[in-house]
């Protein structure tokens, strides 16, 4: 079996509401556009050389029933007026032959911006430790972000986040996901 290193990645987010908890999750998957795949949740490495593609392009590359690897953050509530959020943070190295990090975070009472920045910070911290970039965990996110940008080792951080407020009598589910796409071409000398 050849190496299973994804060469493309795209990000989705969604929110779902239903009186049943599982159906609420299904609605969030539908809102994100990934309801028809059999997903396998994986840990949080952004593969070296992996190209980020737009959501619309990525959704065209997956087929119903396909085994699909994802990094997912998910949160749910049945409490009225409860603010929930789910985020995937991204930290990419300047060297594209080096791997980056994805982080999952879900929060209660956190806005999109707060949850997203937290997830982004976690991903950047993980990347900073493998790139030997010194940082002080007690400094603010903005100070650490400036330090990492000055190091020329971390090129970009970002996040995708979904939040929602719970409604009386319904389950509310939010999710954010990174969908990893494997090259479908057969190895040289093999046919499909």
N, C-alpha and C. Protein backbone atom coordinates (compact mmCIF):
# COMPACT_ATOMS: atom_id res chain seq x y z
N UNK A 1 0.85 -1.18 0.00
CA UNK A 1 0.00 0.00 0.00
C UNK A 1 0.90 1.24 0.00
N UNK A 2 0.57 2.20 -0.83
CA UNK A 2 1.36 3.42 -0.91
C UNK A 2 1.10 4.32 0.29
N UNK A 3 1.96 5.30 0.48
CA UNK A 3 1.78 6.26 1.56
C UNK A 3 0.44 6.96 1.39
N UNK A 4 -0.24 7.16 2.50
CA UNK A 4 -1.53 7.83 2.47
C UNK A 4 -1.36 9.24 3.01
N UNK A 5 -0.67 10.09 2.23
CA UNK A 5 -0.46 11.47 2.64
C UNK A 5 -1.36 12.36 1.79
N UNK A 6 -2.31 13.03 2.43
CA UNK A 6 -3.21 13.90 1.67
C UNK A 6 -2.45 15.02 0.95
N UNK A 7 -2.92 15.35 -0.25
CA UNK A 7 -2.27 16.42 -1.00
C UNK A 7 -3.15 17.67 -1.11
N UNK A 8 -4.40 17.57 -0.64
CA UNK A 8 -5.31 18.72 -0.67
C UNK A 8 -6.10 18.75 0.64
N UNK A 9 -6.51 19.95 1.00
CA UNK A 9 -7.30 20.13 2.22
C UNK A 9 -8.27 21.27 2.02
N UNK A 10 -9.46 21.13 2.59
CA UNK A 10 -10.40 22.25 2.58
C UNK A 10 -11.15 22.28 3.91
N UNK A 11 -11.74 23.41 4.19
CA UNK A 11 -12.36 23.64 5.49
C UNK A 11 -13.85 23.90 5.33
N UNK A 12 -14.63 23.36 6.29
CA UNK A 12 -16.07 23.54 6.28
C UNK A 12 -16.53 23.86 7.71
N UNK A 13 -17.74 24.40 7.79
CA UNK A 13 -18.35 24.62 9.09
C UNK A 13 -19.85 24.52 8.92
N UNK A 14 -20.55 24.23 10.02
CA UNK A 14 -21.99 24.10 9.91
C UNK A 14 -22.67 24.18 11.26
N UNK A 15 -23.97 24.43 11.21
CA UNK A 15 -24.80 24.45 12.40
C UNK A 15 -26.08 23.68 12.10
N UNK A 16 -26.56 22.92 13.08
CA UNK A 16 -27.79 22.17 12.90
C UNK A 16 -28.66 22.24 14.14
N UNK A 17 -29.96 22.21 13.93
CA UNK A 17 -30.91 22.23 15.04
C UNK A 17 -31.99 21.18 14.81
N UNK A 18 -32.31 20.45 15.88
CA UNK A 18 -33.35 19.41 15.80
C UNK A 18 -33.72 19.01 17.21
N UNK A 19 -34.90 18.43 17.38
CA UNK A 19 -35.31 18.00 18.72
C UNK A 19 -34.49 16.80 19.20
N UNK A 20 -33.92 16.05 18.26
CA UNK A 20 -33.06 14.91 18.60
C UNK A 20 -31.59 15.30 18.44
N UNK A 21 -30.76 14.90 19.41
CA UNK A 21 -29.34 15.25 19.41
C UNK A 21 -28.62 14.76 18.15
N UNK A 22 -28.80 13.49 17.79
CA UNK A 22 -28.13 12.92 16.61
C UNK A 22 -28.58 13.61 15.33
N UNK A 23 -29.85 13.89 15.22
CA UNK A 23 -30.37 14.58 14.03
C UNK A 23 -29.81 16.00 13.94
N UNK A 24 -29.59 16.64 15.08
CA UNK A 24 -28.98 17.96 15.10
C UNK A 24 -27.57 17.91 14.50
N UNK A 25 -26.82 16.86 14.87
CA UNK A 25 -25.48 16.67 14.31
C UNK A 25 -25.57 16.44 12.80
N UNK A 26 -26.51 15.63 12.36
CA UNK A 26 -26.71 15.39 10.93
C UNK A 26 -27.00 16.70 10.19
N UNK A 27 -27.83 17.55 10.79
CA UNK A 27 -28.15 18.84 10.17
C UNK A 27 -26.89 19.72 10.06
N UNK A 28 -26.02 19.66 11.06
CA UNK A 28 -24.77 20.42 11.01
C UNK A 28 -23.86 19.88 9.91
N UNK A 29 -23.80 18.54 9.77
CA UNK A 29 -23.02 17.93 8.68
C UNK A 29 -23.57 18.37 7.33
N UNK A 30 -24.89 18.41 7.19
CA UNK A 30 -25.52 18.85 5.93
C UNK A 30 -25.18 20.31 5.65
N UNK A 31 -25.26 21.15 6.68
CA UNK A 31 -24.93 22.56 6.50
C UNK A 31 -23.48 22.72 6.04
N UNK A 32 -22.60 21.87 6.54
CA UNK A 32 -21.19 21.91 6.16
C UNK A 32 -20.95 21.28 4.79
N UNK A 33 -21.89 20.43 4.33
CA UNK A 33 -21.75 19.79 3.02
C UNK A 33 -21.06 18.44 3.06
N UNK A 34 -20.83 17.87 4.25
CA UNK A 34 -20.08 16.61 4.34
C UNK A 34 -20.93 15.47 4.93
N UNK A 35 -22.24 15.54 4.78
CA UNK A 35 -23.13 14.56 5.37
C UNK A 35 -23.08 13.19 4.69
N UNK A 36 -22.64 13.11 3.45
CA UNK A 36 -22.74 11.85 2.71
C UNK A 36 -21.46 11.02 2.72
N UNK A 37 -20.45 11.44 3.48
CA UNK A 37 -19.20 10.67 3.53
C UNK A 37 -19.14 9.85 4.80
N UNK A 38 -18.35 8.80 4.76
CA UNK A 38 -18.02 8.03 5.96
C UNK A 38 -16.70 8.58 6.47
N UNK A 39 -16.81 9.46 7.46
CA UNK A 39 -15.59 10.12 7.88
C UNK A 39 -14.84 9.33 8.95
N UNK A 40 -13.53 9.48 8.89
CA UNK A 40 -12.63 8.92 9.89
C UNK A 40 -11.93 10.12 10.52
N UNK A 41 -12.12 10.28 11.82
CA UNK A 41 -11.51 11.42 12.49
C UNK A 41 -10.04 11.11 12.75
N UNK A 42 -9.17 12.05 12.36
CA UNK A 42 -7.73 11.88 12.53
C UNK A 42 -7.18 13.02 13.38
N UNK A 43 -5.92 12.85 13.77
CA UNK A 43 -5.29 13.90 14.58
C UNK A 43 -4.93 15.10 13.73
N UNK A 44 -4.06 15.93 14.21
CA UNK A 44 -4.02 17.30 13.72
C UNK A 44 -2.74 17.73 13.01
N UNK A 45 -2.30 16.97 12.05
CA UNK A 45 -1.12 17.36 11.27
C UNK A 45 -1.57 17.89 9.90
N UNK A 46 -1.08 19.07 9.54
CA UNK A 46 -1.29 19.63 8.20
C UNK A 46 -0.14 19.08 7.37
N UNK A 47 -0.42 18.14 6.42
CA UNK A 47 0.65 17.45 5.70
C UNK A 47 1.58 18.39 4.93
N UNK A 48 2.88 18.05 4.87
CA UNK A 48 3.81 18.85 4.09
C UNK A 48 3.37 18.90 2.63
N UNK A 49 3.46 20.06 2.01
CA UNK A 49 3.12 20.21 0.60
C UNK A 49 1.64 20.14 0.29
N UNK A 50 0.80 20.02 1.29
CA UNK A 50 -0.64 19.93 1.08
C UNK A 50 -1.19 21.29 0.65
N UNK A 51 -2.04 21.29 -0.37
CA UNK A 51 -2.57 22.53 -0.92
C UNK A 51 -3.98 22.78 -0.39
N UNK A 52 -4.19 23.97 0.17
CA UNK A 52 -5.53 24.34 0.61
C UNK A 52 -6.34 24.76 -0.61
N UNK A 53 -7.53 24.16 -0.74
CA UNK A 53 -8.41 24.48 -1.86
C UNK A 53 -9.72 25.06 -1.33
N UNK A 54 -10.45 25.78 -2.17
CA UNK A 54 -11.74 26.33 -1.73
C UNK A 54 -12.75 25.23 -1.39
N UNK A 55 -13.64 25.52 -0.47
CA UNK A 55 -14.68 24.58 -0.03
C UNK A 55 -15.45 24.00 -1.22
N UNK A 56 -15.89 24.87 -2.13
CA UNK A 56 -16.70 24.42 -3.26
C UNK A 56 -15.94 23.40 -4.12
N UNK A 57 -14.66 23.65 -4.35
CA UNK A 57 -13.84 22.72 -5.14
C UNK A 57 -13.68 21.41 -4.38
N UNK A 58 -13.42 21.48 -3.08
CA UNK A 58 -13.25 20.28 -2.28
C UNK A 58 -14.50 19.42 -2.23
N UNK A 59 -15.66 20.06 -2.07
CA UNK A 59 -16.90 19.30 -2.00
C UNK A 59 -17.16 18.52 -3.29
N UNK A 60 -16.69 19.04 -4.42
CA UNK A 60 -16.85 18.34 -5.71
C UNK A 60 -15.94 17.11 -5.79
N UNK A 61 -14.92 17.05 -4.94
CA UNK A 61 -13.94 15.96 -5.00
C UNK A 61 -14.32 14.77 -4.12
N UNK A 62 -15.35 14.91 -3.29
CA UNK A 62 -15.76 13.80 -2.43
C UNK A 62 -17.04 13.18 -2.98
N UNK A 63 -17.16 11.86 -2.76
CA UNK A 63 -18.29 11.12 -3.30
C UNK A 63 -19.10 10.52 -2.15
N UNK A 64 -20.41 10.36 -2.33
CA UNK A 64 -21.22 9.72 -1.29
C UNK A 64 -20.66 8.34 -0.93
N UNK A 65 -20.55 8.09 0.37
CA UNK A 65 -20.05 6.81 0.85
C UNK A 65 -18.54 6.71 0.95
N UNK A 66 -17.83 7.69 0.41
CA UNK A 66 -16.37 7.66 0.41
C UNK A 66 -15.82 7.73 1.84
N UNK A 67 -14.77 6.93 2.12
CA UNK A 67 -14.04 7.05 3.39
C UNK A 67 -13.24 8.34 3.29
N UNK A 68 -13.47 9.25 4.22
CA UNK A 68 -12.88 10.58 4.16
C UNK A 68 -12.25 10.92 5.51
N UNK A 69 -11.00 11.35 5.47
CA UNK A 69 -10.29 11.70 6.70
C UNK A 69 -10.55 13.17 7.03
N UNK A 70 -10.91 13.42 8.28
CA UNK A 70 -11.17 14.80 8.70
C UNK A 70 -10.61 15.05 10.10
N UNK A 71 -10.33 16.31 10.37
CA UNK A 71 -10.07 16.80 11.72
C UNK A 71 -11.30 17.62 12.05
N UNK A 72 -12.02 17.25 13.13
CA UNK A 72 -13.29 17.92 13.42
C UNK A 72 -13.34 18.42 14.86
N UNK A 73 -13.92 19.60 15.00
CA UNK A 73 -14.30 20.12 16.31
C UNK A 73 -15.82 20.21 16.30
N UNK A 74 -16.43 19.75 17.40
CA UNK A 74 -17.90 19.68 17.46
C UNK A 74 -18.35 20.08 18.86
N UNK A 75 -19.47 20.76 18.93
CA UNK A 75 -20.04 21.16 20.21
C UNK A 75 -21.55 21.13 20.09
N UNK A 76 -22.24 20.87 21.20
CA UNK A 76 -23.69 20.81 21.14
C UNK A 76 -24.29 21.22 22.48
N UNK A 77 -25.52 21.71 22.42
CA UNK A 77 -26.24 22.09 23.62
C UNK A 77 -27.74 21.93 23.40
N UNK A 78 -28.44 21.71 24.49
CA UNK A 78 -29.89 21.79 24.46
C UNK A 78 -30.38 22.85 25.45
N UNK A 79 -29.44 23.72 25.88
CA UNK A 79 -29.77 24.80 26.80
C UNK A 79 -30.17 26.05 26.01
N UNK A 80 -31.30 26.61 26.35
CA UNK A 80 -31.75 27.84 25.71
C UNK A 80 -30.78 28.97 26.01
N UNK A 81 -30.45 29.75 25.02
CA UNK A 81 -29.58 30.93 25.11
C UNK A 81 -28.11 30.61 25.38
N UNK A 82 -27.70 29.35 25.32
CA UNK A 82 -26.30 28.98 25.56
C UNK A 82 -25.49 29.19 24.28
N UNK A 83 -24.44 29.99 24.34
CA UNK A 83 -23.55 30.24 23.20
C UNK A 83 -22.51 29.13 23.14
N UNK A 84 -22.46 28.43 22.01
CA UNK A 84 -21.47 27.37 21.80
C UNK A 84 -20.67 27.67 20.53
N UNK A 85 -19.46 27.14 20.49
CA UNK A 85 -18.62 27.35 19.31
C UNK A 85 -17.71 26.15 19.10
N UNK A 86 -17.27 25.98 17.86
CA UNK A 86 -16.34 24.93 17.47
C UNK A 86 -15.39 25.54 16.44
N UNK A 87 -14.10 25.24 16.58
CA UNK A 87 -13.11 25.87 15.70
C UNK A 87 -11.98 24.91 15.37
N UNK A 88 -11.44 25.10 14.17
CA UNK A 88 -10.21 24.44 13.75
C UNK A 88 -9.18 25.55 13.53
N UNK A 89 -8.08 25.49 14.26
CA UNK A 89 -6.98 26.44 14.10
C UNK A 89 -5.94 25.85 13.17
N UNK A 90 -5.25 26.72 12.43
CA UNK A 90 -4.25 26.29 11.45
C UNK A 90 -2.97 27.09 11.67
N UNK A 91 -1.83 26.40 11.67
CA UNK A 91 -0.53 27.06 11.72
C UNK A 91 0.38 26.38 10.70
N UNK A 92 0.86 27.17 9.74
CA UNK A 92 1.67 26.63 8.66
C UNK A 92 3.10 27.15 8.73
N UNK A 93 4.07 26.27 8.50
CA UNK A 93 5.47 26.69 8.50
C UNK A 93 5.83 27.41 7.20
N UNK A 94 6.87 28.22 7.26
CA UNK A 94 7.35 28.91 6.06
C UNK A 94 7.88 27.90 5.04
N UNK A 95 8.48 26.82 5.52
CA UNK A 95 9.04 25.77 4.66
C UNK A 95 7.92 24.79 4.30
N UNK A 96 7.45 24.77 3.04
CA UNK A 96 6.33 23.90 2.66
C UNK A 96 6.65 22.41 2.73
N UNK A 97 7.93 22.04 2.87
CA UNK A 97 8.27 20.62 3.00
C UNK A 97 8.18 20.15 4.45
N UNK A 98 7.83 21.07 5.36
CA UNK A 98 7.65 20.75 6.77
C UNK A 98 6.15 20.72 7.08
N UNK A 99 5.76 19.87 8.00
CA UNK A 99 4.35 19.79 8.34
C UNK A 99 3.91 20.93 9.25
N UNK A 100 2.63 21.22 9.18
CA UNK A 100 2.03 22.23 10.05
C UNK A 100 1.08 21.57 11.03
N UNK A 101 0.31 22.38 11.72
CA UNK A 101 -0.61 21.86 12.73
C UNK A 101 -2.03 22.37 12.53
N UNK A 102 -2.96 21.51 12.87
CA UNK A 102 -4.38 21.84 12.96
C UNK A 102 -4.76 21.59 14.42
N UNK A 103 -5.58 22.44 14.98
CA UNK A 103 -6.02 22.21 16.36
C UNK A 103 -7.53 22.31 16.42
N UNK A 104 -8.12 21.53 17.30
CA UNK A 104 -9.57 21.56 17.49
C UNK A 104 -9.85 22.20 18.85
N UNK A 105 -10.81 23.10 18.86
CA UNK A 105 -11.24 23.69 20.13
C UNK A 105 -12.74 23.92 20.07
N UNK A 106 -13.40 23.63 21.16
CA UNK A 106 -14.81 23.97 21.26
C UNK A 106 -15.03 24.66 22.61
N UNK A 107 -15.89 25.66 22.58
CA UNK A 107 -16.09 26.45 23.78
C UNK A 107 -17.54 26.76 24.07
N UNK A 108 -17.76 27.19 25.30
CA UNK A 108 -19.07 27.66 25.73
C UNK A 108 -18.91 29.12 26.13
N UNK A 109 -19.81 29.97 25.66
CA UNK A 109 -19.74 31.39 25.99
C UNK A 109 -18.66 32.13 25.22
N UNK A 110 -18.10 31.51 24.17
CA UNK A 110 -17.05 32.14 23.36
C UNK A 110 -17.61 32.53 22.00
N UNK A 111 -17.29 33.74 21.56
CA UNK A 111 -17.69 34.18 20.23
C UNK A 111 -16.85 33.46 19.18
N UNK A 112 -17.22 33.64 17.91
CA UNK A 112 -16.41 33.08 16.81
C UNK A 112 -14.96 33.54 16.94
N UNK A 113 -14.78 34.83 17.15
CA UNK A 113 -13.43 35.39 17.21
C UNK A 113 -12.63 34.82 18.38
N UNK A 114 -13.25 34.75 19.55
CA UNK A 114 -12.55 34.23 20.73
C UNK A 114 -12.17 32.76 20.56
N UNK A 115 -13.10 31.95 20.12
CA UNK A 115 -12.84 30.53 19.94
C UNK A 115 -11.82 30.30 18.82
N UNK A 116 -11.96 31.05 17.73
CA UNK A 116 -11.04 30.92 16.60
C UNK A 116 -9.62 31.30 16.96
N UNK A 117 -9.47 32.42 17.65
CA UNK A 117 -8.12 32.85 18.05
C UNK A 117 -7.50 31.85 19.02
N UNK A 118 -8.30 31.28 19.90
CA UNK A 118 -7.79 30.28 20.84
C UNK A 118 -7.28 29.05 20.08
N UNK A 119 -8.08 28.56 19.13
CA UNK A 119 -7.67 27.39 18.33
C UNK A 119 -6.43 27.70 17.50
N UNK A 120 -6.39 28.90 16.93
CA UNK A 120 -5.23 29.34 16.14
C UNK A 120 -3.97 29.38 17.00
N UNK A 121 -4.11 29.89 18.22
CA UNK A 121 -3.00 29.99 19.16
C UNK A 121 -2.49 28.60 19.53
N UNK A 122 -3.39 27.65 19.77
CA UNK A 122 -2.97 26.29 20.11
C UNK A 122 -2.16 25.69 18.96
N UNK A 123 -2.65 25.83 17.74
CA UNK A 123 -1.94 25.30 16.57
C UNK A 123 -0.56 25.94 16.44
N UNK A 124 -0.50 27.25 16.61
CA UNK A 124 0.78 27.97 16.50
C UNK A 124 1.75 27.55 17.60
N UNK A 125 1.24 27.34 18.81
CA UNK A 125 2.11 26.89 19.90
C UNK A 125 2.70 25.52 19.59
N UNK A 126 1.87 24.59 19.07
CA UNK A 126 2.37 23.25 18.74
C UNK A 126 3.44 23.34 17.65
N UNK A 127 3.20 24.17 16.64
CA UNK A 127 4.17 24.33 15.57
C UNK A 127 5.45 24.98 16.09
N UNK A 128 5.31 26.00 16.93
CA UNK A 128 6.48 26.69 17.48
C UNK A 128 7.39 25.73 18.24
N UNK A 129 6.80 24.78 18.97
CA UNK A 129 7.63 23.85 19.74
C UNK A 129 8.43 22.92 18.85
N UNK A 130 7.90 22.49 17.70
CA UNK A 130 8.67 21.60 16.82
C UNK A 130 9.67 22.38 15.97
N UNK A 131 9.46 23.69 15.81
CA UNK A 131 10.39 24.52 15.05
C UNK A 131 11.42 25.20 15.94
N UNK A 132 11.38 24.88 17.24
CA UNK A 132 12.30 25.47 18.23
C UNK A 132 12.24 26.99 18.28
N UNK A 133 11.02 27.53 18.19
CA UNK A 133 10.83 28.97 18.33
C UNK A 133 10.47 29.22 19.80
N UNK A 134 11.29 29.97 20.50
CA UNK A 134 10.99 30.22 21.92
C UNK A 134 9.77 31.14 22.06
N UNK A 135 9.00 30.88 23.09
CA UNK A 135 7.86 31.76 23.39
C UNK A 135 7.51 31.62 24.86
N UNK A 136 6.86 32.61 25.36
CA UNK A 136 6.41 32.64 26.76
C UNK A 136 4.90 32.47 26.77
N UNK A 137 4.43 31.37 27.38
CA UNK A 137 2.99 31.09 27.39
C UNK A 137 2.18 32.15 28.13
N UNK A 138 2.84 32.96 28.95
CA UNK A 138 2.12 33.98 29.71
C UNK A 138 1.88 35.26 28.92
N UNK A 139 2.52 35.37 27.75
CA UNK A 139 2.30 36.56 26.93
C UNK A 139 0.97 36.45 26.20
N UNK A 140 0.48 37.55 25.70
CA UNK A 140 -0.81 37.54 25.00
C UNK A 140 -0.66 36.90 23.61
N UNK A 141 -1.80 36.52 23.05
CA UNK A 141 -1.83 35.95 21.71
C UNK A 141 -1.20 36.91 20.71
N UNK A 142 -1.53 38.19 20.80
CA UNK A 142 -0.98 39.18 19.86
C UNK A 142 0.54 39.26 19.95
N UNK A 143 1.08 39.22 21.18
CA UNK A 143 2.54 39.26 21.35
C UNK A 143 3.20 38.02 20.78
N UNK A 144 2.61 36.84 21.06
CA UNK A 144 3.17 35.59 20.51
C UNK A 144 3.08 35.59 18.99
N UNK A 145 1.96 36.06 18.46
CA UNK A 145 1.77 36.10 17.01
C UNK A 145 2.85 36.97 16.36
N UNK A 146 3.13 38.12 16.94
CA UNK A 146 4.18 39.00 16.42
C UNK A 146 5.54 38.31 16.47
N UNK A 147 5.85 37.63 17.58
CA UNK A 147 7.13 36.93 17.72
C UNK A 147 7.28 35.86 16.66
N UNK A 148 6.21 35.07 16.43
CA UNK A 148 6.28 33.99 15.47
C UNK A 148 6.44 34.52 14.05
N UNK A 149 5.78 35.62 13.74
CA UNK A 149 5.93 36.21 12.40
C UNK A 149 7.34 36.73 12.20
N UNK A 150 7.93 37.29 13.26
CA UNK A 150 9.30 37.79 13.17
C UNK A 150 10.32 36.67 13.01
N UNK A 151 9.98 35.46 13.46
CA UNK A 151 10.92 34.34 13.39
C UNK A 151 11.13 33.85 11.95
N UNK A 152 10.23 34.20 11.04
CA UNK A 152 10.26 33.76 9.65
C UNK A 152 10.10 32.24 9.51
N UNK A 153 9.71 31.55 10.58
CA UNK A 153 9.51 30.10 10.52
C UNK A 153 8.04 29.72 10.40
N UNK A 154 7.16 30.58 10.91
CA UNK A 154 5.72 30.34 10.79
C UNK A 154 5.19 31.37 9.80
N UNK A 155 4.63 30.89 8.69
CA UNK A 155 4.22 31.80 7.63
C UNK A 155 2.79 32.30 7.79
N UNK A 156 1.90 31.43 8.35
CA UNK A 156 0.51 31.84 8.38
C UNK A 156 -0.25 31.07 9.45
N UNK A 157 -1.15 31.78 10.12
CA UNK A 157 -2.10 31.13 11.01
C UNK A 157 -3.49 31.59 10.60
N UNK A 158 -4.47 30.73 10.81
CA UNK A 158 -5.85 31.07 10.49
C UNK A 158 -6.78 30.13 11.26
N UNK A 159 -8.07 30.31 11.07
CA UNK A 159 -9.03 29.40 11.71
C UNK A 159 -10.33 29.41 10.93
N UNK A 160 -11.11 28.36 11.13
CA UNK A 160 -12.49 28.30 10.65
C UNK A 160 -13.33 27.98 11.89
N UNK A 161 -14.37 28.77 12.11
CA UNK A 161 -15.13 28.68 13.36
C UNK A 161 -16.62 28.82 13.09
N UNK A 162 -17.40 28.06 13.86
CA UNK A 162 -18.86 28.17 13.80
C UNK A 162 -19.38 28.32 15.22
N UNK A 163 -20.26 29.28 15.43
CA UNK A 163 -20.92 29.42 16.73
C UNK A 163 -22.42 29.52 16.52
N UNK A 164 -23.16 29.27 17.60
CA UNK A 164 -24.62 29.38 17.56
C UNK A 164 -25.12 29.49 18.99
N UNK A 165 -26.34 29.96 19.11
CA UNK A 165 -26.99 30.08 20.41
C UNK A 165 -28.08 29.03 20.50
N UNK A 166 -28.09 28.29 21.61
CA UNK A 166 -29.08 27.25 21.82
C UNK A 166 -30.50 27.80 21.85
N UNK A 167 -31.44 26.97 21.42
CA UNK A 167 -32.85 27.36 21.39
C UNK A 167 -33.67 26.40 22.25
N UNK A 168 -34.68 26.92 22.88
CA UNK A 168 -35.55 26.12 23.75
C UNK A 168 -36.19 24.97 22.96
N UNK A 169 -36.10 23.77 23.54
CA UNK A 169 -36.75 22.60 22.95
C UNK A 169 -35.99 21.94 21.82
N UNK A 170 -34.81 22.45 21.48
CA UNK A 170 -34.02 21.89 20.37
C UNK A 170 -32.58 21.64 20.80
N UNK A 171 -31.98 20.63 20.18
CA UNK A 171 -30.53 20.47 20.27
C UNK A 171 -29.91 21.34 19.19
N UNK A 172 -28.84 22.02 19.54
CA UNK A 172 -28.07 22.82 18.58
C UNK A 172 -26.67 22.24 18.53
N UNK A 173 -26.20 21.94 17.33
CA UNK A 173 -24.85 21.41 17.12
C UNK A 173 -24.09 22.35 16.19
N UNK A 174 -22.83 22.64 16.55
CA UNK A 174 -21.93 23.39 15.67
C UNK A 174 -20.72 22.52 15.39
N UNK A 175 -20.17 22.67 14.19
CA UNK A 175 -18.95 21.94 13.87
C UNK A 175 -18.08 22.76 12.92
N UNK A 176 -16.80 22.49 13.01
CA UNK A 176 -15.81 23.01 12.07
C UNK A 176 -14.92 21.82 11.72
N UNK A 177 -14.52 21.71 10.46
CA UNK A 177 -13.73 20.55 10.06
C UNK A 177 -12.74 20.89 8.96
N UNK A 178 -11.61 20.20 9.01
CA UNK A 178 -10.63 20.20 7.93
C UNK A 178 -10.78 18.86 7.22
N UNK A 179 -11.06 18.89 5.93
CA UNK A 179 -11.28 17.67 5.15
C UNK A 179 -10.02 17.42 4.32
N UNK A 180 -9.43 16.25 4.52
CA UNK A 180 -8.17 15.88 3.85
C UNK A 180 -8.48 15.03 2.63
N UNK A 181 -7.91 15.40 1.50
CA UNK A 181 -8.14 14.69 0.24
C UNK A 181 -6.86 13.99 -0.19
N UNK A 182 -6.99 12.68 -0.46
CA UNK A 182 -5.87 11.89 -0.97
C UNK A 182 -5.90 11.91 -2.48
N UNK A 183 -4.74 11.99 -3.11
CA UNK A 183 -4.64 11.93 -4.56
C UNK A 183 -5.26 10.62 -5.03
N UNK A 184 -6.20 10.69 -5.94
CA UNK A 184 -6.91 9.51 -6.42
C UNK A 184 -6.17 8.80 -7.56
N UNK A 185 -5.09 9.39 -8.06
CA UNK A 185 -4.37 8.78 -9.18
C UNK A 185 -3.61 7.53 -8.71
N UNK A 186 -3.63 6.46 -9.49
CA UNK A 186 -2.88 5.25 -9.10
C UNK A 186 -1.38 5.51 -9.21
N UNK A 187 -0.56 4.80 -8.40
CA UNK A 187 0.88 4.93 -8.51
C UNK A 187 1.35 4.54 -9.92
N UNK A 188 2.52 5.05 -10.31
CA UNK A 188 3.07 4.76 -11.64
C UNK A 188 3.15 3.26 -11.87
N UNK A 189 2.71 2.81 -13.03
CA UNK A 189 2.76 1.40 -13.38
C UNK A 189 1.53 0.61 -12.98
N UNK A 190 0.62 1.21 -12.22
CA UNK A 190 -0.62 0.53 -11.82
C UNK A 190 -1.80 1.15 -12.51
N UNK A 191 -2.85 0.36 -12.69
CA UNK A 191 -4.07 0.90 -13.27
C UNK A 191 -5.16 0.86 -12.22
N UNK A 192 -6.18 1.67 -12.44
CA UNK A 192 -7.31 1.69 -11.50
C UNK A 192 -8.16 0.47 -11.63
